[in-house]
Protein backbone atom coordinates (compact mmCIF):
# COMPACT_ATOMS: atom_id res chain seq x y z
CA MET A 1 58.05 20.32 -26.37
CA HIS A 2 55.37 19.57 -23.86
CA CYS A 3 53.39 21.93 -21.71
CA LEU A 4 54.43 21.01 -18.17
CA GLN A 5 51.04 20.21 -16.73
CA ILE A 6 51.53 17.17 -14.56
CA THR A 7 51.38 16.61 -10.84
CA LEU A 8 53.00 13.59 -9.27
CA LYS A 9 51.69 12.49 -5.89
CA LEU A 10 53.46 10.68 -3.11
CA PRO A 11 51.97 7.30 -2.16
CA PRO A 12 49.08 7.60 0.31
CA LEU A 13 50.77 7.74 3.72
CA LEU A 14 49.42 10.04 6.38
CA MET A 15 51.32 11.65 9.23
CA SER A 16 50.13 11.21 12.83
CA SER A 17 48.16 14.46 12.43
CA GLY A 18 46.13 12.87 9.61
CA LEU A 19 47.62 15.20 7.00
CA PRO A 20 49.62 14.04 3.99
CA PRO A 21 53.40 14.41 4.27
CA ALA A 22 55.16 17.46 2.89
CA VAL A 23 57.63 17.06 0.05
CA THR A 24 60.89 18.28 1.58
CA SER A 25 63.38 17.65 -1.23
CA VAL A 26 63.39 16.69 -4.91
CA LYS A 27 66.32 15.76 -7.14
CA CYS A 28 66.71 14.45 -10.69
CA ALA A 29 69.61 12.06 -11.02
CA GLY A 30 70.79 9.02 -12.87
CA TRP A 31 73.74 6.79 -13.46
CA ASN A 32 76.81 8.82 -14.47
CA TYR A 33 75.00 12.19 -14.66
CA SER A 34 72.02 11.17 -16.77
CA PHE A 35 68.65 12.33 -15.46
CA THR A 36 66.74 9.06 -15.56
CA HIS A 37 65.07 9.19 -12.13
CA LEU A 38 63.16 11.78 -10.13
CA TRP A 39 63.71 11.38 -6.38
CA ALA A 40 61.27 12.90 -3.88
CA ALA A 41 61.77 12.88 -0.11
CA ASP A 42 59.15 13.75 2.46
CA SER A 43 58.53 14.79 6.04
CA THR A 44 57.86 11.21 7.19
CA GLY A 45 61.29 9.94 6.10
CA GLN A 46 59.98 8.24 2.97
CA ILE A 47 61.60 8.33 -0.49
CA THR A 48 59.70 7.87 -3.75
CA VAL A 49 61.47 7.47 -7.08
CA TRP A 50 59.96 7.75 -10.57
CA PHE A 51 61.49 6.91 -13.95
CA VAL A 52 61.87 10.11 -16.00
CA PRO A 53 60.51 9.55 -19.54
CA GLU A 54 62.73 10.36 -22.50
CA ASP A 55 59.71 11.90 -24.20
CA GLY A 56 56.37 13.04 -22.85
CA LEU A 57 55.18 13.20 -19.27
CA GLU A 58 54.55 9.56 -18.40
CA PHE A 59 56.54 9.33 -15.17
CA LEU A 60 56.42 5.72 -13.96
CA PRO A 61 56.83 4.83 -10.28
CA ALA A 62 60.07 2.94 -9.64
CA LYS A 63 60.16 2.43 -5.87
CA THR A 64 58.93 3.84 -2.54
CA TRP A 65 60.48 3.05 0.82
CA LYS A 66 60.83 4.32 4.38
CA ALA A 67 64.45 5.48 4.54
CA HIS A 68 64.71 7.58 7.70
CA THR A 69 62.91 7.77 11.03
CA GLY A 70 62.74 11.59 10.80
CA ALA A 71 61.98 14.09 8.08
CA ILE A 72 64.37 14.03 5.12
CA ASN A 73 65.61 17.58 4.71
CA ALA A 74 67.94 17.46 1.72
CA MET A 75 69.44 15.28 -1.01
CA ALA A 76 72.58 15.51 -3.10
CA ALA A 77 73.70 13.40 -6.04
CA THR A 78 77.12 12.32 -7.26
CA TRP A 79 77.94 10.58 -10.52
CA LYS A 80 77.00 7.26 -8.92
CA HIS A 81 75.10 7.89 -5.66
CA MET A 82 72.18 9.72 -4.03
CA ILE A 83 72.78 11.00 -0.51
CA THR A 84 70.00 11.90 1.93
CA VAL A 85 70.17 13.72 5.29
CA SER A 86 67.47 13.75 7.91
CA ASP A 87 66.26 14.96 11.28
CA ASP A 88 67.18 11.49 12.62
CA GLY A 89 70.88 12.47 12.33
CA PHE A 90 71.72 9.89 9.68
CA LEU A 91 73.26 10.33 6.25
CA LEU A 92 72.26 7.57 3.81
CA LEU A 93 74.04 6.72 0.58
CA TYR A 94 72.17 4.93 -2.25
CA GLU A 95 73.37 3.55 -5.58
CA LEU A 96 71.65 5.38 -8.42
CA ASP A 97 71.41 2.37 -10.73
CA SER A 98 69.95 -0.14 -8.25
CA LEU A 99 68.38 2.25 -5.68
CA HIS A 100 69.96 0.10 -2.94
CA LEU A 101 71.22 1.49 0.35
CA ILE A 102 74.99 1.03 0.53
CA ARG A 103 76.00 3.14 3.56
CA ARG A 104 74.36 4.48 6.70
CA LEU A 105 76.32 7.04 8.71
CA ASN A 106 75.30 8.47 12.09
CA VAL A 107 76.95 11.86 11.62
CA LEU A 108 76.83 12.80 15.31
CA GLU A 109 78.55 9.56 16.39
CA TRP A 110 81.12 9.88 13.61
CA CYS A 111 81.95 13.49 14.57
CA ALA A 112 82.04 12.67 18.30
CA ALA A 113 84.42 9.75 17.70
CA LYS A 114 86.77 12.08 15.81
CA GLY A 115 86.51 14.80 18.49
CA LEU A 116 84.95 17.30 16.09
CA LEU A 117 82.02 18.50 18.23
CA SER A 118 82.22 20.84 21.20
CA ARG A 119 78.95 19.50 22.66
CA PRO A 120 78.46 15.91 21.45
CA ASP A 121 75.73 15.42 24.09
CA ILE A 122 73.36 17.66 22.09
CA PRO A 123 71.51 15.77 19.31
CA ARG A 124 71.80 17.30 15.86
CA ARG A 125 69.30 17.28 13.01
CA LEU A 126 70.91 17.24 9.58
CA LYS A 127 69.36 20.08 7.57
CA CYS A 128 71.34 20.56 4.36
CA ILE A 129 74.00 18.96 2.21
CA ASP A 130 76.20 19.82 -0.74
CA VAL A 131 78.74 17.73 -2.64
CA VAL A 132 81.69 18.85 -4.73
CA GLU A 133 83.19 16.08 -6.82
CA ASP A 134 86.79 16.01 -7.99
CA GLN A 135 87.88 12.90 -9.87
CA GLU A 136 91.56 13.82 -9.57
CA GLU A 137 92.04 15.29 -6.08
CA GLY A 138 89.05 13.80 -4.27
CA GLY A 139 85.81 15.58 -3.46
CA MET A 140 84.17 17.07 -0.39
CA MET A 141 80.76 16.69 1.20
CA VAL A 142 79.40 19.41 3.50
CA VAL A 143 76.49 18.81 5.91
CA GLY A 144 74.82 21.49 8.04
CA THR A 145 72.91 20.97 11.30
CA GLN A 146 70.20 22.90 13.13
CA TYR A 147 72.74 23.54 15.90
CA GLY A 148 74.99 25.60 13.62
CA ASP A 149 77.60 22.93 12.85
CA ILE A 150 79.03 22.54 9.37
CA VAL A 151 80.60 19.12 8.95
CA VAL A 152 83.10 18.83 6.08
CA MET A 153 84.00 15.30 4.91
CA SER A 154 86.31 14.04 2.22
CA ILE A 155 84.55 11.68 -0.20
CA GLY A 156 87.58 10.60 -2.20
CA ARG A 157 87.42 10.14 -5.96
CA LEU A 158 84.92 7.28 -6.25
CA VAL A 159 81.72 8.37 -4.48
């Protein structure tokens, strides 16, 4: 056992105010439910990932990138993917093993195209997300907005 006395810092990127970005979401995830990576999202839309050590506290940086144009508000993980939602209205889906972006969904456009929004002219910020996986019946993903919408999407059995 180790005494948890470590602080990880985001890469030096300042906001327009000159202050460092706020960490807005953290999630441990890995390929097929192992916890091999620590994901951190921030208020500038940046994601930083560290490798989680099997022993000790030597977290090694894996990758940092600008993912969204707005603050990332929440993340959710499936057995194979990390999903981020942001103030920019986009939902991004990344592969956990490669950290590559595999899908970019403008939730407002998607909902408007399906006739799911009463006021599609009002921009929505995506504020929260939850995923329920079901390998047999297909899972569901739920995304909440600052405008009070709750968008429920089927994710099938393979996400």
